C-alpha atoms as a PDB file:
ATOM      1  CA  UNK A   1      10.729  -1.791   2.421  1.00  0.00           C
ATOM      2  CA  UNK A   2      13.192   0.445   4.325  1.00  0.00           C
ATOM      3  CA  UNK A   3      12.018   1.914   7.607  1.00  0.00           C
ATOM      4  CA  UNK A   4      11.080   5.569   7.674  1.00  0.00           C
ATOM      5  CA  UNK A   5      13.395   7.930   9.505  1.00  0.00           C
ATOM      6  CA  UNK A   6      11.166   8.449  12.550  1.00  0.00           C
ATOM      7  CA  UNK A   7      10.822   4.737  13.177  1.00  0.00           C
ATOM      8  CA  UNK A   8      14.545   4.226  12.577  1.00  0.00           C
ATOM      9  CA  UNK A   9      15.342   6.820  15.245  1.00  0.00           C
ATOM     10  CA  UNK A  10      13.001   5.077  17.678  1.00  0.00           C
ATOM     11  CA  UNK A  11      14.705   1.745  16.979  1.00  0.00           C
ATOM     12  CA  UNK A  12      18.090   3.297  17.742  1.00  0.00           C
ATOM     13  CA  UNK A  13      16.793   4.451  21.114  1.00  0.00           C
ATOM     14  CA  UNK A  14      15.637   0.905  21.888  1.00  0.00           C
ATOM     15  CA  UNK A  15      19.073  -0.474  20.944  1.00  0.00           C
ATOM     16  CA  UNK A  16      20.864   2.127  23.074  1.00  0.00           C
ATOM     17  CA  UNK A  17      18.725   1.310  26.097  1.00  0.00           C
ATOM     18  CA  UNK A  18      19.387  -2.395  25.706  1.00  0.00           C
ATOM     19  CA  UNK A  19      23.108  -1.664  25.390  1.00  0.00           C
ATOM     20  CA  UNK A  20      23.009   0.404  28.577  1.00  0.00           C
ATOM     21  CA  UNK A  21      21.400  -2.532  30.383  1.00  0.00           C
ATOM     22  CA  UNK A  22      24.477  -4.631  29.670  1.00  0.00           C
ATOM     23  CA  UNK A  23      26.543  -2.228  31.781  1.00  0.00           C
ATOM     24  CA  UNK A  24      24.226  -2.448  34.797  1.00  0.00           C
ATOM     25  CA  UNK A  25      22.558   0.928  34.507  1.00  0.00           C
ATOM     26  CA  UNK A  26      19.175   1.669  36.119  1.00  0.00           C
ATOM     27  CA  UNK A  27      17.413  -0.277  33.415  1.00  0.00           C
ATOM     28  CA  UNK A  28      14.901  -3.138  33.412  1.00  0.00           C
ATOM     29  CA  UNK A  29      14.228  -5.362  30.411  1.00  0.00           C
ATOM     30  CA  UNK A  30      11.351  -7.691  29.642  1.00  0.00           C
ATOM     31  CA  UNK A  31       8.630  -8.707  27.220  1.00  0.00           C
ATOM     32  CA  UNK A  32       5.176  -7.350  26.472  1.00  0.00           C
ATOM     33  CA  UNK A  33       2.240  -8.974  24.700  1.00  0.00           C
ATOM     34  CA  UNK A  34      -1.419  -8.190  24.297  1.00  0.00           C
ATOM     35  CA  UNK A  35      -4.453  -7.854  22.116  1.00  0.00           C
ATOM     36  CA  UNK A  36      -7.238  -5.544  21.041  1.00  0.00           C
ATOM     37  CA  UNK A  37     -10.827  -5.696  19.878  1.00  0.00           C
ATOM     38  CA  UNK A  38     -11.090  -2.699  17.533  1.00  0.00           C
ATOM     39  CA  UNK A  39     -10.703  -2.672  13.738  1.00  0.00           C
ATOM     40  CA  UNK A  40      -7.344  -2.301  12.011  1.00  0.00           C
ATOM     41  CA  UNK A  41      -8.730  -0.358   9.027  1.00  0.00           C
ATOM     42  CA  UNK A  42     -11.740   1.732   8.083  1.00  0.00           C
ATOM     43  CA  UNK A  43     -14.356  -0.435   6.354  1.00  0.00           C
ATOM     44  CA  UNK A  44     -16.015   1.242   3.377  1.00  0.00           C
ATOM     45  CA  UNK A  45     -18.120   0.670   0.263  1.00  0.00           C
ATOM     46  CA  UNK A  46     -17.281   2.679  -2.875  1.00  0.00           C
ATOM     47  CA  UNK A  47     -20.105   2.578  -5.406  1.00  0.00           C
ATOM     48  CA  UNK A  48     -18.889   2.593  -9.017  1.00  0.00           C
ATOM     49  CA  UNK A  49     -21.661   2.960 -11.644  1.00  0.00           C
ATOM     50  CA  UNK A  50     -21.858   0.027 -14.035  1.00  0.00           C
ATOM     51  CA  UNK A  51     -19.475  -2.270 -12.141  1.00  0.00           C
ATOM     52  CA  UNK A  52     -19.377  -4.123  -8.867  1.00  0.00           C
ATOM     53  CA  UNK A  53     -18.805  -1.929  -5.782  1.00  0.00           C
ATOM     54  CA  UNK A  54     -15.328  -1.580  -4.298  1.00  0.00           C
ATOM     55  CA  UNK A  55     -15.602  -2.944  -0.739  1.00  0.00           C
ATOM     56  CA  UNK A  56     -13.033  -2.880   2.052  1.00  0.00           C
ATOM     57  CA  UNK A  57     -13.756  -4.948   5.168  1.00  0.00           C
ATOM     58  CA  UNK A  58     -11.448  -4.670   8.164  1.00  0.00           C
ATOM     59  CA  UNK A  59     -10.762  -7.489  10.569  1.00  0.00           C
ATOM     60  CA  UNK A  60     -11.547  -6.798  14.225  1.00  0.00           C
ATOM     61  CA  UNK A  61      -9.173  -7.804  16.942  1.00  0.00           C
ATOM     62  CA  UNK A  62      -5.566  -8.868  16.829  1.00  0.00           C
ATOM     63  CA  UNK A  63      -2.367  -9.345  18.773  1.00  0.00           C
ATOM     64  CA  UNK A  64       1.095  -7.852  19.269  1.00  0.00           C
ATOM     65  CA  UNK A  65       4.273  -8.711  21.148  1.00  0.00           C
ATOM     66  CA  UNK A  66       7.875  -7.648  21.570  1.00  0.00           C
ATOM     67  CA  UNK A  67      10.667  -6.614  23.943  1.00  0.00           C
ATOM     68  CA  UNK A  68      10.341  -3.719  26.391  1.00  0.00           C
ATOM     69  CA  UNK A  69      12.980  -1.577  28.109  1.00  0.00           C
ATOM     70  CA  UNK A  70      12.510   0.758  31.084  1.00  0.00           C
ATOM     71  CA  UNK A  71      14.994   3.408  32.194  1.00  0.00           C
ATOM     72  CA  UNK A  72      14.441   4.311  35.879  1.00  0.00           C
ATOM     73  CA  UNK A  73      15.013   8.005  36.581  1.00  0.00           C
ATOM     74  CA  UNK A  74      13.639   7.907  40.132  1.00  0.00           C
ATOM     75  CA  UNK A  75      11.651   5.358  42.147  1.00  0.00           C
ATOM     76  CA  UNK A  76       8.428   6.679  40.643  1.00  0.00           C
ATOM     77  CA  UNK A  77       9.489   8.177  37.318  1.00  0.00           C
ATOM     78  CA  UNK A  78      10.851   6.244  34.346  1.00  0.00           C
ATOM     79  CA  UNK A  79      11.016   6.148  30.543  1.00  0.00           C
ATOM     80  CA  UNK A  80       9.580   3.111  28.748  1.00  0.00           C
ATOM     81  CA  UNK A  81      10.096   2.020  25.154  1.00  0.00           C
ATOM     82  CA  UNK A  82       8.840  -1.067  23.307  1.00  0.00           C
ATOM     83  CA  UNK A  83       9.434  -2.693  19.927  1.00  0.00           C
ATOM     84  CA  UNK A  84       6.041  -4.227  19.106  1.00  0.00           C
ATOM     85  CA  UNK A  85       5.354  -6.532  16.174  1.00  0.00           C
ATOM     86  CA  UNK A  86       1.728  -5.977  15.131  1.00  0.00           C
ATOM     87  CA  UNK A  87       0.235  -7.362  11.878  1.00  0.00           C
ATOM     88  CA  UNK A  88      -2.862  -5.603  10.506  1.00  0.00           C
ATOM     89  CA  UNK A  89      -5.524  -7.349   8.404  1.00  0.00           C
ATOM     90  CA  UNK A  90      -8.288  -6.455   5.949  1.00  0.00           C
ATOM     91  CA  UNK A  91     -10.201  -7.937   3.000  1.00  0.00           C
ATOM     92  CA  UNK A  92     -10.746  -6.231  -0.370  1.00  0.00           C
ATOM     93  CA  UNK A  93     -13.512  -7.113  -2.810  1.00  0.00           C
ATOM     94  CA  UNK A  94     -12.563  -8.781  -6.076  1.00  0.00           C
ATOM     95  CA  UNK A  95     -14.604  -9.655  -9.156  1.00  0.00           C
ATOM     96  CA  UNK A  96     -14.238 -13.184 -10.449  1.00  0.00           C
ATOM     97  CA  UNK A  97     -14.842 -13.953 -14.111  1.00  0.00           C
ATOM     98  CA  UNK A  98     -16.575 -15.209 -16.194  1.00  0.00           C
ATOM     99  CA  UNK A  99     -19.695 -15.016 -14.015  1.00  0.00           C
ATOM    100  CA  UNK A 100     -18.834 -11.655 -12.403  1.00  0.00           C
ATOM    101  CA  UNK A 101     -19.246 -12.901  -8.832  1.00  0.00           C
ATOM    102  CA  UNK A 102     -17.744 -10.952  -5.916  1.00  0.00           C
ATOM    103  CA  UNK A 103     -15.242 -12.460  -3.497  1.00  0.00           C
ATOM    104  CA  UNK A 104     -12.762 -11.069  -1.011  1.00  0.00           C
ATOM    105  CA  UNK A 105      -8.981 -11.173  -1.097  1.00  0.00           C
ATOM    106  CA  UNK A 106      -7.288 -11.075   2.351  1.00  0.00           C
ATOM    107  CA  UNK A 107      -4.310  -8.786   2.918  1.00  0.00           C
ATOM    108  CA  UNK A 108      -1.828  -8.421   5.773  1.00  0.00           C
ATOM    109  CA  UNK A 109       0.181  -5.288   6.548  1.00  0.00           C
ATOM    110  CA  UNK A 110       3.202  -5.821   8.815  1.00  0.00           C
ATOM    111  CA  UNK A 111       3.889  -3.029  11.302  1.00  0.00           C
ATOM    112  CA  UNK A 112       6.373  -2.391  14.094  1.00  0.00           C
ATOM    113  CA  UNK A 113       5.426   0.119  16.781  1.00  0.00           C
ATOM    114  CA  UNK A 114       7.940   2.029  18.912  1.00  0.00           C
ATOM    115  CA  UNK A 115       6.286   3.975  21.756  1.00  0.00           C
ATOM    116  CA  UNK A 116       8.576   6.213  23.811  1.00  0.00           C
ATOM    117  CA  UNK A 117       6.633   6.984  26.989  1.00  0.00           C
ATOM    118  CA  UNK A 118       7.168   8.679  30.320  1.00  0.00           C
ATOM    119  CA  UNK A 119       5.825   6.550  33.177  1.00  0.00           C
ATOM    120  CA  UNK A 120       4.807   7.791  36.642  1.00  0.00           C
ATOM    121  CA  UNK A 121       3.960   5.513  39.578  1.00  0.00           C
ATOM    122  CA  UNK A 122       1.601   6.703  42.313  1.00  0.00           C
ATOM    123  CA  UNK A 123       3.009   4.392  45.013  1.00  0.00           C
ATOM    124  CA  UNK A 124       6.170   2.483  45.873  1.00  0.00           C
ATOM    125  CA  UNK A 125       4.714  -0.631  47.563  1.00  0.00           C
ATOM    126  CA  UNK A 126       3.878  -4.056  46.204  1.00  0.00           C
ATOM    127  CA  UNK A 127       0.991  -2.709  44.075  1.00  0.00           C
ATOM    128  CA  UNK A 128       1.805   0.456  42.156  1.00  0.00           C
ATOM    129  CA  UNK A 129      -0.774   2.155  39.902  1.00  0.00           C
ATOM    130  CA  UNK A 130       0.812   4.136  37.081  1.00  0.00           C
ATOM    131  CA  UNK A 131       0.149   6.478  34.190  1.00  0.00           C
ATOM    132  CA  UNK A 132       2.206   6.700  31.007  1.00  0.00           C
ATOM    133  CA  UNK A 133       2.213   8.944  27.955  1.00  0.00           C
ATOM    134  CA  UNK A 134       4.289  10.186  25.052  1.00  0.00           C
ATOM    135  CA  UNK A 135       4.907   9.833  21.312  1.00  0.00           C
ATOM    136  CA  UNK A 136       4.663   6.591  19.333  1.00  0.00           C
ATOM    137  CA  UNK A 137       6.329   5.761  16.042  1.00  0.00           C
ATOM    138  CA  UNK A 138       5.478   3.124  13.467  1.00  0.00           C
ATOM    139  CA  UNK A 139       7.093   1.471  10.459  1.00  0.00           C
ATOM    140  CA  UNK A 140       5.214  -0.663   7.939  1.00  0.00           C
ATOM    141  CA  UNK A 141       6.048  -3.227   5.296  1.00  0.00           C
ATOM    142  CA  UNK A 142       4.114  -5.517   2.939  1.00  0.00           C
ATOM    143  CA  UNK A 143       1.837  -2.513   2.393  1.00  0.00           C
ATOM    144  CA  UNK A 144      -0.870  -4.063   0.163  1.00  0.00           C
ATOM    145  CA  UNK A 145      -2.238  -0.723  -1.104  1.00  0.00           C
ATOM    146  CA  UNK A 146      -1.908   0.982   2.296  1.00  0.00           C
ATOM    147  CA  UNK A 147       0.488   3.582   3.668  1.00  0.00           C
ATOM    148  CA  UNK A 148       0.051   3.793   7.464  1.00  0.00           C
ATOM    149  CA  UNK A 149       1.100   6.983   9.231  1.00  0.00           C
ATOM    150  CA  UNK A 150       4.424   6.791  11.020  1.00  0.00           C
ATOM    151  CA  UNK A 151       3.684   8.734  14.217  1.00  0.00           C
ATOM    152  CA  UNK A 152       1.055   9.260  16.901  1.00  0.00           C
ATOM    153  CA  UNK A 153       0.484   9.915  20.596  1.00  0.00           C
ATOM    154  CA  UNK A 154      -0.088   7.263  23.276  1.00  0.00           C
ATOM    155  CA  UNK A 155      -1.386   7.274  26.848  1.00  0.00           C
ATOM    156  CA  UNK A 156      -1.992   4.402  29.234  1.00  0.00           C
ATOM    157  CA  UNK A 157      -2.989   3.357  32.726  1.00  0.00           C
ATOM    158  CA  UNK A 158      -2.133   0.209  34.632  1.00  0.00           C
ATOM    159  CA  UNK A 159      -0.888  -1.372  37.836  1.00  0.00           C
ATOM    160  CA  UNK A 160       2.382  -3.102  38.716  1.00  0.00           C
ATOM    161  CA  UNK A 161       2.896  -5.996  41.078  1.00  0.00           C
ATOM    162  CA  UNK A 162       6.184  -7.519  42.213  1.00  0.00           C
ATOM    163  CA  UNK A 163       7.052 -11.225  42.348  1.00  0.00           C
ATOM    164  CA  UNK A 164      10.660 -11.844  43.343  1.00  0.00           C
ATOM    165  CA  UNK A 165      12.815 -10.048  40.743  1.00  0.00           C
ATOM    166  CA  UNK A 166       9.914  -9.698  38.306  1.00  0.00           C
ATOM    167  CA  UNK A 167       7.483  -6.849  37.765  1.00  0.00           C
ATOM    168  CA  UNK A 168       4.085  -7.940  36.384  1.00  0.00           C
ATOM    169  CA  UNK A 169       2.037  -5.130  34.858  1.00  0.00           C
ATOM    170  CA  UNK A 170      -1.368  -5.334  33.120  1.00  0.00           C
ATOM    171  CA  UNK A 171      -2.383  -2.075  31.442  1.00  0.00           C
ATOM    172  CA  UNK A 172      -4.611  -0.380  28.880  1.00  0.00           C
ATOM    173  CA  UNK A 173      -2.994   1.883  26.279  1.00  0.00           C
ATOM    174  CA  UNK A 174      -4.700   4.277  23.855  1.00  0.00           C
ATOM    175  CA  UNK A 175      -2.933   5.527  20.721  1.00  0.00           C
ATOM    176  CA  UNK A 176      -4.100   8.226  18.328  1.00  0.00           C
ATOM    177  CA  UNK A 177      -2.264   7.869  15.021  1.00  0.00           C
ATOM    178  CA  UNK A 178      -1.878  10.690  12.524  1.00  0.00           C
ATOM    179  CA  UNK A 179      -3.673  10.476   9.176  1.00  0.00           C
ATOM    180  CA  UNK A 180      -2.325   7.945   6.709  1.00  0.00           C
ATOM    181  CA  UNK A 181       0.072   9.091   4.033  1.00  0.00           C
ATOM    182  CA  UNK A 182      -0.489   9.191   0.273  1.00  0.00           C
ATOM    183  CA  UNK A 183      -0.632   7.796  -2.357  1.00  0.00           C
ATOM    184  CA  UNK A 184      -2.256   4.548  -1.218  1.00  0.00           C
ATOM    185  CA  UNK A 185      -3.901   5.825   1.937  1.00  0.00           C
ATOM    186  CA  UNK A 186      -6.916   7.123  -0.039  1.00  0.00           C
ATOM    187  CA  UNK A 187      -7.823   3.552  -0.968  1.00  0.00           C
ATOM    188  CA  UNK A 188      -7.378   1.742   2.351  1.00  0.00           C
ATOM    189  CA  UNK A 189      -7.014   3.752   5.544  1.00  0.00           C
ATOM    190  CA  UNK A 190      -5.923   2.521   8.956  1.00  0.00           C
ATOM    191  CA  UNK A 191      -8.126   3.339  11.920  1.00  0.00           C
ATOM    192  CA  UNK A 192      -6.626   6.269  13.839  1.00  0.00           C
ATOM    193  CA  UNK A 193      -7.957   5.302  17.286  1.00  0.00           C
ATOM    194  CA  UNK A 194      -6.468   2.156  18.806  1.00  0.00           C
ATOM    195  CA  UNK A 195      -7.048   0.724  22.293  1.00  0.00           C
ATOM    196  CA  UNK A 196      -4.773  -2.119  23.373  1.00  0.00           C
ATOM    197  CA  UNK A 197      -4.786  -4.431  26.398  1.00  0.00           C
ATOM    198  CA  UNK A 198      -1.241  -5.237  27.454  1.00  0.00           C
ATOM    199  CA  UNK A 199       0.581  -7.463  29.877  1.00  0.00           C
ATOM    200  CA  UNK A 200       4.284  -7.059  30.501  1.00  0.00           C
ATOM    201  CA  UNK A 201       6.803  -9.075  32.465  1.00  0.00           C
ATOM    202  CA  UNK A 202       9.912  -7.119  33.397  1.00  0.00           C
ATOM    203  CA  UNK A 203      13.057  -8.373  35.066  1.00  0.00           C
ATOM    204  CA  UNK A 204      14.172  -5.761  37.573  1.00  0.00           C
ATOM    205  CA  UNK A 205      17.395  -7.480  38.587  1.00  0.00           C
ATOM    206  CA  UNK A 206      19.574  -4.858  36.883  1.00  0.00           C
ATOM    207  CA  UNK A 207      18.272  -1.953  38.875  1.00  0.00           C
ATOM    208  CA  UNK A 208      20.672  -0.212  41.273  1.00  0.00           C
END
């Protein structure tokens, strides 16, 4: 499935920042990975008279990972963007014949998330608390009767520590996604509120 235009624009920004890093600009590159405990989708039971109920059960918890790029505007202010691979999971009820028993069919929705965040550090020493915030974009494939929204707003808090040329940064990030799009979003809806625990390793050797 082709990426939507918002997500495509976010991907172009990521590519441009990586290209700038090759020319020694004030850019750091690295990797980010993490997990979360909340549900991917909204679980629901739809009662249909005369037949088995339509049940959606969301998995809880998951993982994500991907590259990260940081453009340093000043010592304390920067712009951060990620390209995060994040699969979403749920189970949908199914009726098995001839006995009419109910089972569940698992489904995976593949998403890529592209946050574009402004980051502010409160110190310039070895340990630097920071806040970040800005828009996030999302593309989805392998939809399986879903249609996740393609944009939202993210905010996070964390702390950076230096080790040689590396910056190590655990953080917590909250994202509020817009409502899912039609037509399939009425059947299976993603959960709008997402809280993620992240850890990133950034190589700062390119900074000037």
